PDB file of N, CA and C in Angstrom:
ATOM      1  N   UNK A   1      -9.073  -1.158  -0.520  1.00  0.00           N
ATOM      2  CA  UNK A   1      -9.944  -0.413   0.369  1.00  0.00           C
ATOM      3  C   UNK A   1     -11.382  -0.913   0.248  1.00  0.00           C
ATOM      4  N   UNK A   2     -11.801  -1.178  -0.986  1.00  0.00           N
ATOM      5  CA  UNK A   2     -13.177  -1.626  -1.204  1.00  0.00           C
ATOM      6  C   UNK A   2     -13.390  -3.007  -0.586  1.00  0.00           C
ATOM      7  N   UNK A   3     -12.400  -3.876  -0.737  1.00  0.00           N
ATOM      8  CA  UNK A   3     -12.514  -5.208  -0.134  1.00  0.00           C
ATOM      9  C   UNK A   3     -12.561  -5.105   1.385  1.00  0.00           C
ATOM     10  N   UNK A   4     -11.737  -4.242   1.952  1.00  0.00           N
ATOM     11  CA  UNK A   4     -11.744  -4.056   3.400  1.00  0.00           C
ATOM     12  C   UNK A   4     -13.087  -3.509   3.867  1.00  0.00           C
ATOM     13  N   UNK A   5     -13.664  -2.584   3.108  1.00  0.00           N
ATOM     14  CA  UNK A   5     -14.980  -2.037   3.462  1.00  0.00           C
ATOM     15  C   UNK A   5     -16.055  -3.122   3.411  1.00  0.00           C
ATOM     16  N   UNK A   6     -16.009  -3.958   2.387  1.00  0.00           N
ATOM     17  CA  UNK A   6     -17.015  -5.024   2.281  1.00  0.00           C
ATOM     18  C   UNK A   6     -16.876  -6.042   3.411  1.00  0.00           C
ATOM     19  N   UNK A   7     -15.654  -6.404   3.746  1.00  0.00           N
ATOM     20  CA  UNK A   7     -15.449  -7.364   4.829  1.00  0.00           C
ATOM     21  C   UNK A   7     -15.925  -6.780   6.155  1.00  0.00           C
ATOM     22  N   UNK A   8     -15.650  -5.499   6.392  1.00  0.00           N
ATOM     23  CA  UNK A   8     -16.120  -4.859   7.627  1.00  0.00           C
ATOM     24  C   UNK A   8     -17.643  -4.806   7.670  1.00  0.00           C
ATOM     25  N   UNK A   9     -18.277  -4.487   6.542  1.00  0.00           N
ATOM     26  CA  UNK A   9     -19.742  -4.480   6.500  1.00  0.00           C
ATOM     27  C   UNK A   9     -20.291  -5.871   6.793  1.00  0.00           C
ATOM     28  N   UNK A  10     -19.678  -6.878   6.192  1.00  0.00           N
ATOM     29  CA  UNK A  10     -20.147  -8.245   6.395  1.00  0.00           C
ATOM     30  C   UNK A  10     -19.965  -8.670   7.847  1.00  0.00           C
ATOM     31  N   UNK A  11     -18.797  -8.393   8.404  1.00  0.00           N
ATOM     32  CA  UNK A  11     -18.491  -8.855   9.752  1.00  0.00           C
ATOM     33  C   UNK A  11     -19.364  -8.166  10.791  1.00  0.00           C
ATOM     34  N   UNK A  12     -19.483  -6.846  10.686  1.00  0.00           N
ATOM     35  CA  UNK A  12     -20.192  -6.109  11.712  1.00  0.00           C
ATOM     36  C   UNK A  12     -21.706  -6.105  11.522  1.00  0.00           C
ATOM     37  N   UNK A  13     -22.201  -6.616  10.400  1.00  0.00           N
ATOM     38  CA  UNK A  13     -23.654  -6.687  10.219  1.00  0.00           C
ATOM     39  C   UNK A  13     -24.214  -8.008  10.709  1.00  0.00           C
ATOM     40  N   UNK A  14     -23.364  -8.927  11.135  1.00  0.00           N
ATOM     41  CA  UNK A  14     -23.823 -10.200  11.658  1.00  0.00           C
ATOM     42  C   UNK A  14     -24.154 -11.201  10.575  1.00  0.00           C
ATOM     43  N   UNK A  15     -23.579 -11.073   9.409  1.00  0.00           N
ATOM     44  CA  UNK A  15     -23.843 -12.019   8.329  1.00  0.00           C
ATOM     45  C   UNK A  15     -23.388 -13.411   8.759  1.00  0.00           C
ATOM     46  N   UNK A  16     -24.121 -14.394   8.352  1.00  0.00           N
ATOM     47  CA  UNK A  16     -23.800 -15.757   8.718  1.00  0.00           C
ATOM     48  C   UNK A  16     -24.629 -16.271   9.877  1.00  0.00           C
ATOM     49  N   UNK A  17     -25.303 -15.391  10.591  1.00  0.00           N
ATOM     50  CA  UNK A  17     -26.191 -15.821  11.667  1.00  0.00           C
ATOM     51  C   UNK A  17     -27.579 -16.077  11.091  1.00  0.00           C
ATOM     52  N   UNK A  18     -28.423 -16.723  11.873  1.00  0.00           N
ATOM     53  CA  UNK A  18     -29.782 -17.005  11.408  1.00  0.00           C
ATOM     54  C   UNK A  18     -30.655 -15.764  11.365  1.00  0.00           C
ATOM     55  N   UNK A  19     -30.317 -14.763  12.162  1.00  0.00           N
ATOM     56  CA  UNK A  19     -31.168 -13.571  12.255  1.00  0.00           C
ATOM     57  C   UNK A  19     -30.647 -12.392  11.444  1.00  0.00           C
ATOM     58  N   UNK A  20     -29.752 -12.632  10.502  1.00  0.00           N
ATOM     59  CA  UNK A  20     -29.192 -11.502   9.753  1.00  0.00           C
ATOM     60  C   UNK A  20     -30.174 -11.033   8.689  1.00  0.00           C
ATOM     61  N   UNK A  21     -30.040  -9.777   8.348  1.00  0.00           N
ATOM     62  CA  UNK A  21     -30.896  -9.178   7.327  1.00  0.00           C
ATOM     63  C   UNK A  21     -30.175  -9.262   5.997  1.00  0.00           C
ATOM     64  N   UNK A  22     -30.662 -10.038   5.032  1.00  0.00           N
ATOM     65  CA  UNK A  22     -29.968 -10.139   3.749  1.00  0.00           C
ATOM     66  C   UNK A  22     -29.990  -8.807   3.006  1.00  0.00           C
ATOM     67  N   UNK A  23     -28.917  -8.568   2.280  1.00  0.00           N
ATOM     68  CA  UNK A  23     -28.840  -7.344   1.494  1.00  0.00           C
ATOM     69  C   UNK A  23     -28.235  -6.164   2.216  1.00  0.00           C
ATOM     70  N   UNK A  24     -27.740  -6.351   3.433  1.00  0.00           N
ATOM     71  CA  UNK A  24     -27.172  -5.222   4.164  1.00  0.00           C
ATOM     72  C   UNK A  24     -25.720  -4.952   3.781  1.00  0.00           C
ATOM     73  N   UNK A  25     -25.112  -5.841   3.015  1.00  0.00           N
ATOM     74  CA  UNK A  25     -23.747  -5.660   2.535  1.00  0.00           C
ATOM     75  C   UNK A  25     -23.812  -5.523   1.024  1.00  0.00           C
ATOM     76  N   UNK A  26     -23.241  -4.430   0.491  1.00  0.00           N
ATOM     77  CA  UNK A  26     -23.293  -4.256  -0.960  1.00  0.00           C
ATOM     78  C   UNK A  26     -21.975  -3.685  -1.470  1.00  0.00           C
ATOM     79  N   UNK A  27     -21.666  -4.052  -2.687  1.00  0.00           N
ATOM     80  CA  UNK A  27     -20.465  -3.542  -3.335  1.00  0.00           C
ATOM     81  C   UNK A  27     -20.613  -2.052  -3.616  1.00  0.00           C
ATOM     82  N   UNK A  28     -21.788  -1.638  -4.005  1.00  0.00           N
ATOM     83  CA  UNK A  28     -22.017  -0.225  -4.309  1.00  0.00           C
ATOM     84  C   UNK A  28     -21.812   0.647  -3.062  1.00  0.00           C
ATOM     85  N   UNK A  29     -22.277   0.154  -1.917  1.00  0.00           N
ATOM     86  CA  UNK A  29     -22.085   0.903  -0.678  1.00  0.00           C
ATOM     87  C   UNK A  29     -20.596   1.007  -0.334  1.00  0.00           C
ATOM     88  N   UNK A  30     -19.849  -0.062  -0.545  1.00  0.00           N
ATOM     89  CA  UNK A  30     -18.406  -0.049  -0.261  1.00  0.00           C
ATOM     90  C   UNK A  30     -17.662   0.889  -1.199  1.00  0.00           C
ATOM     91  N   UNK A  31     -17.999   0.858  -2.480  1.00  0.00           N
ATOM     92  CA  UNK A  31     -17.354   1.765  -3.437  1.00  0.00           C
ATOM     93  C   UNK A  31     -17.679   3.204  -3.098  1.00  0.00           C
ATOM     94  N   UNK A  32     -18.932   3.485  -2.814  1.00  0.00           N
ATOM     95  CA  UNK A  32     -19.322   4.847  -2.453  1.00  0.00           C
ATOM     96  C   UNK A  32     -18.649   5.324  -1.183  1.00  0.00           C
ATOM     97  N   UNK A  33     -18.580   4.457  -0.202  1.00  0.00           N
ATOM     98  CA  UNK A  33     -17.937   4.812   1.062  1.00  0.00           C
ATOM     99  C   UNK A  33     -16.458   5.091   0.857  1.00  0.00           C
ATOM    100  N   UNK A  34     -15.802   4.212   0.086  1.00  0.00           N
ATOM    101  CA  UNK A  34     -14.373   4.410  -0.173  1.00  0.00           C
ATOM    102  C   UNK A  34     -14.083   5.651  -0.983  1.00  0.00           C
ATOM    103  N   UNK A  35     -14.914   5.932  -1.984  1.00  0.00           N
ATOM    104  CA  UNK A  35     -14.677   7.113  -2.825  1.00  0.00           C
ATOM    105  C   UNK A  35     -15.123   8.405  -2.167  1.00  0.00           C
ATOM    106  N   UNK A  36     -16.194   8.373  -1.428  1.00  0.00           N
ATOM    107  CA  UNK A  36     -16.725   9.603  -0.850  1.00  0.00           C
ATOM    108  C   UNK A  36     -16.001  10.001   0.430  1.00  0.00           C
ATOM    109  N   UNK A  37     -15.826   9.057   1.322  1.00  0.00           N
ATOM    110  CA  UNK A  37     -15.262   9.383   2.633  1.00  0.00           C
ATOM    111  C   UNK A  37     -13.757   9.180   2.735  1.00  0.00           C
ATOM    112  N   UNK A  38     -13.188   8.268   1.951  1.00  0.00           N
ATOM    113  CA  UNK A  38     -11.783   7.920   2.138  1.00  0.00           C
ATOM    114  C   UNK A  38     -10.967   8.027   0.859  1.00  0.00           C
ATOM    115  N   UNK A  39     -11.365   8.903  -0.026  1.00  0.00           N
ATOM    116  CA  UNK A  39     -10.620   9.099  -1.270  1.00  0.00           C
ATOM    117  C   UNK A  39      -9.207   9.630  -0.972  1.00  0.00           C
ATOM    118  N   UNK A  40      -9.090  10.520  -0.024  1.00  0.00           N
ATOM    119  CA  UNK A  40      -7.792  11.060   0.354  1.00  0.00           C
ATOM    120  C   UNK A  40      -6.899  10.016   0.999  1.00  0.00           C
ATOM    121  N   UNK A  41      -7.482   9.132   1.776  1.00  0.00           N
ATOM    122  CA  UNK A  41      -6.718   8.055   2.400  1.00  0.00           C
ATOM    123  C   UNK A  41      -6.125   7.134   1.350  1.00  0.00           C
ATOM    124  N   UNK A  42      -6.949   6.756   0.388  1.00  0.00           N
ATOM    125  CA  UNK A  42      -6.472   5.888  -0.692  1.00  0.00           C
ATOM    126  C   UNK A  42      -5.421   6.610  -1.529  1.00  0.00           C
ATOM    127  N   UNK A  43      -5.647   7.892  -1.797  1.00  0.00           N
ATOM    128  CA  UNK A  43      -4.692   8.664  -2.593  1.00  0.00           C
ATOM    129  C   UNK A  43      -3.355   8.800  -1.866  1.00  0.00           C
ATOM    130  N   UNK A  44      -3.376   9.051  -0.564  1.00  0.00           N
ATOM    131  CA  UNK A  44      -2.132   9.213   0.182  1.00  0.00           C
ATOM    132  C   UNK A  44      -1.362   7.896   0.266  1.00  0.00           C
ATOM    133  N   UNK A  45      -2.060   6.796   0.509  1.00  0.00           N
ATOM    134  CA  UNK A  45      -1.398   5.498   0.543  1.00  0.00           C
ATOM    135  C   UNK A  45      -0.784   5.145  -0.797  1.00  0.00           C
ATOM    136  N   UNK A  46      -1.511   5.425  -1.875  1.00  0.00           N
ATOM    137  CA  UNK A  46      -0.986   5.168  -3.218  1.00  0.00           C
ATOM    138  C   UNK A  46       0.185   6.087  -3.537  1.00  0.00           C
ATOM    139  N   UNK A  47       0.130   7.328  -3.058  1.00  0.00           N
ATOM    140  CA  UNK A  47       1.231   8.264  -3.273  1.00  0.00           C
ATOM    141  C   UNK A  47       2.501   7.781  -2.578  1.00  0.00           C
ATOM    142  N   UNK A  48       2.373   7.276  -1.373  1.00  0.00           N
ATOM    143  CA  UNK A  48       3.543   6.760  -0.652  1.00  0.00           C
ATOM    144  C   UNK A  48       4.184   5.599  -1.409  1.00  0.00           C
ATOM    145  N   UNK A  49       3.358   4.695  -1.909  1.00  0.00           N
ATOM    146  CA  UNK A  49       3.877   3.563  -2.685  1.00  0.00           C
ATOM    147  C   UNK A  49       4.534   4.060  -3.967  1.00  0.00           C
ATOM    148  N   UNK A  50       3.917   5.038  -4.622  1.00  0.00           N
ATOM    149  CA  UNK A  50       4.467   5.558  -5.880  1.00  0.00           C
ATOM    150  C   UNK A  50       5.805   6.260  -5.671  1.00  0.00           C
ATOM    151  N   UNK A  51       5.956   6.980  -4.573  1.00  0.00           N
ATOM    152  CA  UNK A  51       7.222   7.668  -4.296  1.00  0.00           C
ATOM    153  C   UNK A  51       8.348   6.653  -4.113  1.00  0.00           C
ATOM    154  N   UNK A  52       8.098   5.612  -3.345  1.00  0.00           N
ATOM    155  CA  UNK A  52       9.126   4.600  -3.117  1.00  0.00           C
ATOM    156  C   UNK A  52       9.460   3.873  -4.415  1.00  0.00           C
ATOM    157  N   UNK A  53       8.447   3.570  -5.211  1.00  0.00           N
ATOM    158  CA  UNK A  53       8.688   2.909  -6.499  1.00  0.00           C
ATOM    159  C   UNK A  53       9.502   3.806  -7.419  1.00  0.00           C
ATOM    160  N   UNK A  54       9.213   5.094  -7.421  1.00  0.00           N
ATOM    161  CA  UNK A  54       9.963   6.030  -8.256  1.00  0.00           C
ATOM    162  C   UNK A  54      11.423   6.127  -7.802  1.00  0.00           C
ATOM    163  N   UNK A  55      11.646   6.105  -6.510  1.00  0.00           N
ATOM    164  CA  UNK A  55      13.019   6.124  -5.997  1.00  0.00           C
ATOM    165  C   UNK A  55      13.769   4.874  -6.469  1.00  0.00           C
ATOM    166  N   UNK A  56      13.097   3.730  -6.446  1.00  0.00           N
ATOM    167  CA  UNK A  56      13.734   2.498  -6.920  1.00  0.00           C
ATOM    168  C   UNK A  56      14.049   2.569  -8.410  1.00  0.00           C
ATOM    169  N   UNK A  57      13.131   3.116  -9.198  1.00  0.00           N
ATOM    170  CA  UNK A  57      13.345   3.223 -10.645  1.00  0.00           C
ATOM    171  C   UNK A  57      14.518   4.152 -10.944  1.00  0.00           C
ATOM    172  N   UNK A  58      14.574   5.286 -10.263  1.00  0.00           N
ATOM    173  CA  UNK A  58      15.669   6.238 -10.477  1.00  0.00           C
ATOM    174  C   UNK A  58      17.000   5.605 -10.067  1.00  0.00           C
ATOM    175  N   UNK A  59      17.011   4.876  -8.963  1.00  0.00           N
ATOM    176  CA  UNK A  59      18.250   4.212  -8.537  1.00  0.00           C
ATOM    177  C   UNK A  59      18.703   3.193  -9.569  1.00  0.00           C
ATOM    178  N   UNK A  60      17.785   2.397 -10.090  1.00  0.00           N
ATOM    179  CA  UNK A  60      18.157   1.404 -11.108  1.00  0.00           C
ATOM    180  C   UNK A  60      18.659   2.075 -12.376  1.00  0.00           C
ATOM    181  N   UNK A  61      18.104   3.233 -12.721  1.00  0.00           N
ATOM    182  CA  UNK A  61      18.587   3.984 -13.885  1.00  0.00           C
ATOM    183  C   UNK A  61      20.018   4.462 -13.655  1.00  0.00           C
ATOM    184  N   UNK A  62      20.277   4.979 -12.466  1.00  0.00           N
ATOM    185  CA  UNK A  62      21.627   5.453 -12.147  1.00  0.00           C
ATOM    186  C   UNK A  62      22.624   4.292 -12.170  1.00  0.00           C
ATOM    187  N   UNK A  63      22.234   3.160 -11.626  1.00  0.00           N
ATOM    188  CA  UNK A  63      23.111   1.981 -11.641  1.00  0.00           C
ATOM    189  C   UNK A  63      23.387   1.549 -13.078  1.00  0.00           C
ATOM    190  N   UNK A  64      22.369   1.553 -13.919  1.00  0.00           N
ATOM    191  CA  UNK A  64      22.564   1.164 -15.316  1.00  0.00           C
ATOM    192  C   UNK A  64      23.513   2.123 -16.026  1.00  0.00           C
ATOM    193  N   UNK A  65      23.418   3.419 -15.715  1.00  0.00           N
ATOM    194  CA  UNK A  65      24.314   4.394 -16.326  1.00  0.00           C
ATOM    195  C   UNK A  65      25.759   4.178 -15.867  1.00  0.00           C
ATOM    196  N   UNK A  66      25.952   3.879 -14.593  1.00  0.00           N
ATOM    197  CA  UNK A  66      27.302   3.613 -14.098  1.00  0.00           C
ATOM    198  C   UNK A  66      27.860   2.331 -14.698  1.00  0.00           C
ATOM    199  N   UNK A  67      27.019   1.332 -14.880  1.00  0.00           N
ATOM    200  CA  UNK A  67      27.490   0.093 -15.483  1.00  0.00           C
ATOM    201  C   UNK A  67      27.869   0.306 -16.943  1.00  0.00           C
ATOM    202  N   UNK A  68      27.147   1.165 -17.641  1.00  0.00           N
ATOM    203  CA  UNK A  68      27.515   1.498 -19.019  1.00  0.00           C
ATOM    204  C   UNK A  68      28.855   2.227 -19.070  1.00  0.00           C
ATOM    205  N   UNK A  69      29.121   3.036 -18.048  1.00  0.00           N
ATOM    206  CA  UNK A  69      30.354   3.817 -18.010  1.00  0.00           C
ATOM    207  C   UNK A  69      31.574   2.956 -17.670  1.00  0.00           C
ATOM    208  N   UNK A  70      31.364   1.730 -17.280  1.00  0.00           N
ATOM    209  CA  UNK A  70      32.506   0.862 -17.011  1.00  0.00           C
ATOM    210  C   UNK A  70      32.712   0.529 -15.556  1.00  0.00           C
ATOM    211  N   UNK A  71      31.794   0.853 -14.695  1.00  0.00           N
ATOM    212  CA  UNK A  71      31.945   0.552 -13.275  1.00  0.00           C
ATOM    213  C   UNK A  71      31.423  -0.839 -12.928  1.00  0.00           C
ATOM    214  N   UNK A  72      31.129  -1.644 -13.939  1.00  0.00           N
ATOM    215  CA  UNK A  72      30.576  -2.970 -13.719  1.00  0.00           C
ATOM    216  C   UNK A  72      31.534  -3.893 -12.980  1.00  0.00           C
ATOM    217  N   UNK A  73      32.817  -3.716 -13.181  1.00  0.00           N
ATOM    218  CA  UNK A  73      33.827  -4.596 -12.583  1.00  0.00           C
ATOM    219  C   UNK A  73      34.270  -4.137 -11.199  1.00  0.00           C
ATOM    220  N   UNK A  74      33.853  -2.978 -10.752  1.00  0.00           N
ATOM    221  CA  UNK A  74      34.271  -2.444  -9.462  1.00  0.00           C
ATOM    222  C   UNK A  74      33.530  -3.181  -8.336  1.00  0.00           C
ATOM    223  N   UNK A  75      34.248  -3.893  -7.448  1.00  0.00           N
ATOM    224  CA  UNK A  75      33.572  -4.656  -6.386  1.00  0.00           C
ATOM    225  C   UNK A  75      32.915  -3.757  -5.331  1.00  0.00           C
ATOM    226  N   UNK A  76      33.483  -2.584  -5.085  1.00  0.00           N
ATOM    227  CA  UNK A  76      32.879  -1.668  -4.113  1.00  0.00           C
ATOM    228  C   UNK A  76      31.542  -1.163  -4.650  1.00  0.00           C
ATOM    229  N   UNK A  77      31.516  -0.815  -5.927  1.00  0.00           N
ATOM    230  CA  UNK A  77      30.269  -0.368  -6.555  1.00  0.00           C
ATOM    231  C   UNK A  77      29.214  -1.469  -6.506  1.00  0.00           C
ATOM    232  N   UNK A  78      29.634  -2.712  -6.793  1.00  0.00           N
ATOM    233  CA  UNK A  78      28.697  -3.825  -6.769  1.00  0.00           C
ATOM    234  C   UNK A  78      28.126  -4.037  -5.359  1.00  0.00           C
ATOM    235  N   UNK A  79      28.975  -3.931  -4.352  1.00  0.00           N
ATOM    236  CA  UNK A  79      28.526  -4.130  -2.973  1.00  0.00           C
ATOM    237  C   UNK A  79      27.557  -3.034  -2.540  1.00  0.00           C
ATOM    238  N   UNK A  80      27.896  -1.783  -2.859  1.00  0.00           N
ATOM    239  CA  UNK A  80      27.025  -0.667  -2.483  1.00  0.00           C
ATOM    240  C   UNK A  80      25.695  -0.759  -3.216  1.00  0.00           C
ATOM    241  N   UNK A  81      25.740  -1.074  -4.509  1.00  0.00           N
ATOM    242  CA  UNK A  81      24.502  -1.196  -5.282  1.00  0.00           C
ATOM    243  C   UNK A  81      23.632  -2.321  -4.738  1.00  0.00           C
ATOM    244  N   UNK A  82      24.235  -3.415  -4.358  1.00  0.00           N
ATOM    245  CA  UNK A  82      23.480  -4.538  -3.811  1.00  0.00           C
ATOM    246  C   UNK A  82      22.836  -4.164  -2.470  1.00  0.00           C
ATOM    247  N   UNK A  83      23.571  -3.493  -1.615  1.00  0.00           N
ATOM    248  CA  UNK A  83      23.036  -3.076  -0.316  1.00  0.00           C
ATOM    249  C   UNK A  83      21.893  -2.075  -0.481  1.00  0.00           C
ATOM    250  N   UNK A  84      22.074  -1.105  -1.371  1.00  0.00           N
ATOM    251  CA  UNK A  84      21.022  -0.104  -1.583  1.00  0.00           C
ATOM    252  C   UNK A  84      19.788  -0.754  -2.207  1.00  0.00           C
ATOM    253  N   UNK A  85      19.988  -1.697  -3.139  1.00  0.00           N
ATOM    254  CA  UNK A  85      18.844  -2.428  -3.704  1.00  0.00           C
ATOM    255  C   UNK A  85      18.072  -3.159  -2.607  1.00  0.00           C
ATOM    256  N   UNK A  86      18.794  -3.792  -1.708  1.00  0.00           N
ATOM    257  CA  UNK A  86      18.145  -4.511  -0.615  1.00  0.00           C
ATOM    258  C   UNK A  86      17.362  -3.593   0.298  1.00  0.00           C
ATOM    259  N   UNK A  87      17.961  -2.463   0.641  1.00  0.00           N
ATOM    260  CA  UNK A  87      17.290  -1.501   1.519  1.00  0.00           C
ATOM    261  C   UNK A  87      16.044  -0.931   0.831  1.00  0.00           C
ATOM    262  N   UNK A  88      16.158  -0.593  -0.448  1.00  0.00           N
ATOM    263  CA  UNK A  88      15.003  -0.054  -1.165  1.00  0.00           C
ATOM    264  C   UNK A  88      13.906  -1.099  -1.324  1.00  0.00           C
ATOM    265  N   UNK A  89      14.280  -2.359  -1.535  1.00  0.00           N
ATOM    266  CA  UNK A  89      13.286  -3.422  -1.613  1.00  0.00           C
ATOM    267  C   UNK A  89      12.542  -3.562  -0.279  1.00  0.00           C
ATOM    268  N   UNK A  90      13.298  -3.586   0.819  1.00  0.00           N
ATOM    269  CA  UNK A  90      12.670  -3.699   2.133  1.00  0.00           C
ATOM    270  C   UNK A  90      11.779  -2.496   2.431  1.00  0.00           C
ATOM    271  N   UNK A  91      12.224  -1.302   2.066  1.00  0.00           N
ATOM    272  CA  UNK A  91      11.412  -0.103   2.264  1.00  0.00           C
ATOM    273  C   UNK A  91      10.122  -0.181   1.452  1.00  0.00           C
ATOM    274  N   UNK A  92      10.213  -0.662   0.224  1.00  0.00           N
ATOM    275  CA  UNK A  92       9.035  -0.814  -0.632  1.00  0.00           C
ATOM    276  C   UNK A  92       8.045  -1.802  -0.020  1.00  0.00           C
ATOM    277  N   UNK A  93       8.539  -2.938   0.436  1.00  0.00           N
ATOM    278  CA  UNK A  93       7.655  -3.931   1.042  1.00  0.00           C
ATOM    279  C   UNK A  93       7.036  -3.417   2.339  1.00  0.00           C
ATOM    280  N   UNK A  94       7.799  -2.664   3.105  1.00  0.00           N
ATOM    281  CA  UNK A  94       7.305  -2.103   4.359  1.00  0.00           C
ATOM    282  C   UNK A  94       6.184  -1.098   4.097  1.00  0.00           C
ATOM    283  N   UNK A  95       6.379  -0.222   3.125  1.00  0.00           N
ATOM    284  CA  UNK A  95       5.359   0.780   2.813  1.00  0.00           C
ATOM    285  C   UNK A  95       4.092   0.109   2.279  1.00  0.00           C
ATOM    286  N   UNK A  96       4.239  -0.910   1.455  1.00  0.00           N
ATOM    287  CA  UNK A  96       3.061  -1.637   0.963  1.00  0.00           C
ATOM    288  C   UNK A  96       2.320  -2.321   2.108  1.00  0.00           C
ATOM    289  N   UNK A  97       3.055  -2.904   3.042  1.00  0.00           N
ATOM    290  CA  UNK A  97       2.439  -3.559   4.199  1.00  0.00           C
ATOM    291  C   UNK A  97       1.697  -2.549   5.065  1.00  0.00           C
ATOM    292  N   UNK A  98       2.346  -1.435   5.355  1.00  0.00           N
ATOM    293  CA  UNK A  98       1.720  -0.402   6.181  1.00  0.00           C
ATOM    294  C   UNK A  98       0.487   0.157   5.487  1.00  0.00           C
ATOM    295  N   UNK A  99       0.565   0.401   4.183  1.00  0.00           N
ATOM    296  CA  UNK A  99      -0.576   0.950   3.454  1.00  0.00           C
ATOM    297  C   UNK A  99      -1.758  -0.010   3.469  1.00  0.00           C
ATOM    298  N   UNK A 100      -1.486  -1.282   3.221  1.00  0.00           N
ATOM    299  CA  UNK A 100      -2.566  -2.270   3.218  1.00  0.00           C
ATOM    300  C   UNK A 100      -3.240  -2.336   4.581  1.00  0.00           C
ATOM    301  N   UNK A 101      -2.449  -2.385   5.630  1.00  0.00           N
ATOM    302  CA  UNK A 101      -3.027  -2.456   6.969  1.00  0.00           C
ATOM    303  C   UNK A 101      -3.679  -1.144   7.381  1.00  0.00           C
ATOM    304  N   UNK A 102      -3.172  -0.023   6.894  1.00  0.00           N
ATOM    305  CA  UNK A 102      -3.826   1.260   7.178  1.00  0.00           C
ATOM    306  C   UNK A 102      -5.188   1.325   6.500  1.00  0.00           C
ATOM    307  N   UNK A 103      -5.298   0.783   5.292  1.00  0.00           N
ATOM    308  CA  UNK A 103      -6.604   0.745   4.621  1.00  0.00           C
ATOM    309  C   UNK A 103      -7.583  -0.123   5.407  1.00  0.00           C
ATOM    310  N   UNK A 104      -7.115  -1.232   5.938  1.00  0.00           N
ATOM    311  CA  UNK A 104      -7.983  -2.094   6.730  1.00  0.00           C
ATOM    312  C   UNK A 104      -8.419  -1.387   8.009  1.00  0.00           C
ATOM    313  N   UNK A 105      -7.480  -0.730   8.683  1.00  0.00           N
ATOM    314  CA  UNK A 105      -7.824  -0.001   9.901  1.00  0.00           C
ATOM    315  C   UNK A 105      -8.765   1.172   9.612  1.00  0.00           C
ATOM    316  N   UNK A 106      -8.580   1.805   8.456  1.00  0.00           N
ATOM    317  CA  UNK A 106      -9.482   2.882   8.061  1.00  0.00           C
ATOM    318  C   UNK A 106     -10.891   2.349   7.873  1.00  0.00           C
ATOM    319  N   UNK A 107     -11.017   1.188   7.258  1.00  0.00           N
ATOM    320  CA  UNK A 107     -12.342   0.602   7.050  1.00  0.00           C
ATOM    321  C   UNK A 107     -12.988   0.211   8.379  1.00  0.00           C
ATOM    322  N   UNK A 108     -12.186  -0.256   9.325  1.00  0.00           N
ATOM    323  CA  UNK A 108     -12.746  -0.686  10.608  1.00  0.00           C
ATOM    324  C   UNK A 108     -13.108   0.507  11.489  1.00  0.00           C
ATOM    325  N   UNK A 109     -12.180   1.455  11.639  1.00  0.00           N
ATOM    326  CA  UNK A 109     -12.351   2.530  12.615  1.00  0.00           C
ATOM    327  C   UNK A 109     -12.782   3.868  12.022  1.00  0.00           C
ATOM    328  N   UNK A 110     -12.819   3.967  10.684  1.00  0.00           N
ATOM    329  CA  UNK A 110     -13.229   5.195  10.006  1.00  0.00           C
ATOM    330  C   UNK A 110     -12.317   6.367  10.387  1.00  0.00           C
ATOM    331  N   UNK A 111     -11.012   6.133  10.317  1.00  0.00           N
ATOM    332  CA  UNK A 111     -10.026   7.166  10.640  1.00  0.00           C
ATOM    333  C   UNK A 111      -9.210   7.506   9.401  1.00  0.00           C
ATOM    334  N   UNK A 112      -8.333   8.498   9.526  1.00  0.00           N
ATOM    335  CA  UNK A 112      -7.503   8.911   8.400  1.00  0.00           C
ATOM    336  C   UNK A 112      -6.335   7.929   8.196  1.00  0.00           C
ATOM    337  N   UNK A 113      -5.573   8.150   7.131  1.00  0.00           N
ATOM    338  CA  UNK A 113      -4.472   7.233   6.810  1.00  0.00           C
ATOM    339  C   UNK A 113      -3.421   7.223   7.908  1.00  0.00           C
ATOM    340  N   UNK A 114      -2.970   8.397   8.326  1.00  0.00           N
ATOM    341  CA  UNK A 114      -1.880   8.467   9.310  1.00  0.00           C
ATOM    342  C   UNK A 114      -2.310   7.876  10.653  1.00  0.00           C
ATOM    343  N   UNK A 115      -3.522   8.160  11.068  1.00  0.00           N
ATOM    344  CA  UNK A 115      -4.031   7.588  12.319  1.00  0.00           C
ATOM    345  C   UNK A 115      -4.147   6.079  12.217  1.00  0.00           C
ATOM    346  N   UNK A 116      -4.624   5.601  11.081  1.00  0.00           N
ATOM    347  CA  UNK A 116      -4.765   4.161  10.872  1.00  0.00           C
ATOM    348  C   UNK A 116      -3.410   3.476  10.788  1.00  0.00           C
ATOM    349  N   UNK A 117      -2.451   4.108  10.135  1.00  0.00           N
ATOM    350  CA  UNK A 117      -1.122   3.525  10.028  1.00  0.00           C
ATOM    351  C   UNK A 117      -0.418   3.479  11.384  1.00  0.00           C
ATOM    352  N   UNK A 118      -0.682   4.471  12.215  1.00  0.00           N
ATOM    353  CA  UNK A 118      -0.055   4.505  13.529  1.00  0.00           C
ATOM    354  C   UNK A 118      -0.562   3.350  14.365  1.00  0.00           C
TER     355      UNK A 118
END
C-alpha cells in the first residue's frame, strides 16, 4: 500500500518534468496516508489472505492425518487431495492478486477495498 501511495504521489505530482516541485513526494506522507486513511483497507485485504492461508494449512493438516491413518495408498484419496490442493492454490493466488490490485486502486482513486477490488 505504501509503495502504491508513493508511486501515485510521484506520478500525479509531475515528477520527472522540468517544472516539478522537488520534495512533493515523501515516504512519511505515504505511510501516514496509508495508516490514517486506509488502515481498514489494508487490514481487510490482509484478513482475506490470512483466511485463505489458514484454510490451506488446515487442509494440509487433515491430509497429513489421513496419510498417517493409512490412506496414503488410496488412489481416490490422492486424486481428491491433489485437486483440492490445486483449487486452494489457485484461490490463494487469486486473492493475493485481487488484494494487490485493490491496494493500487485504493491509492489511485482513494476508495475502499471492496470498491477498489470491484
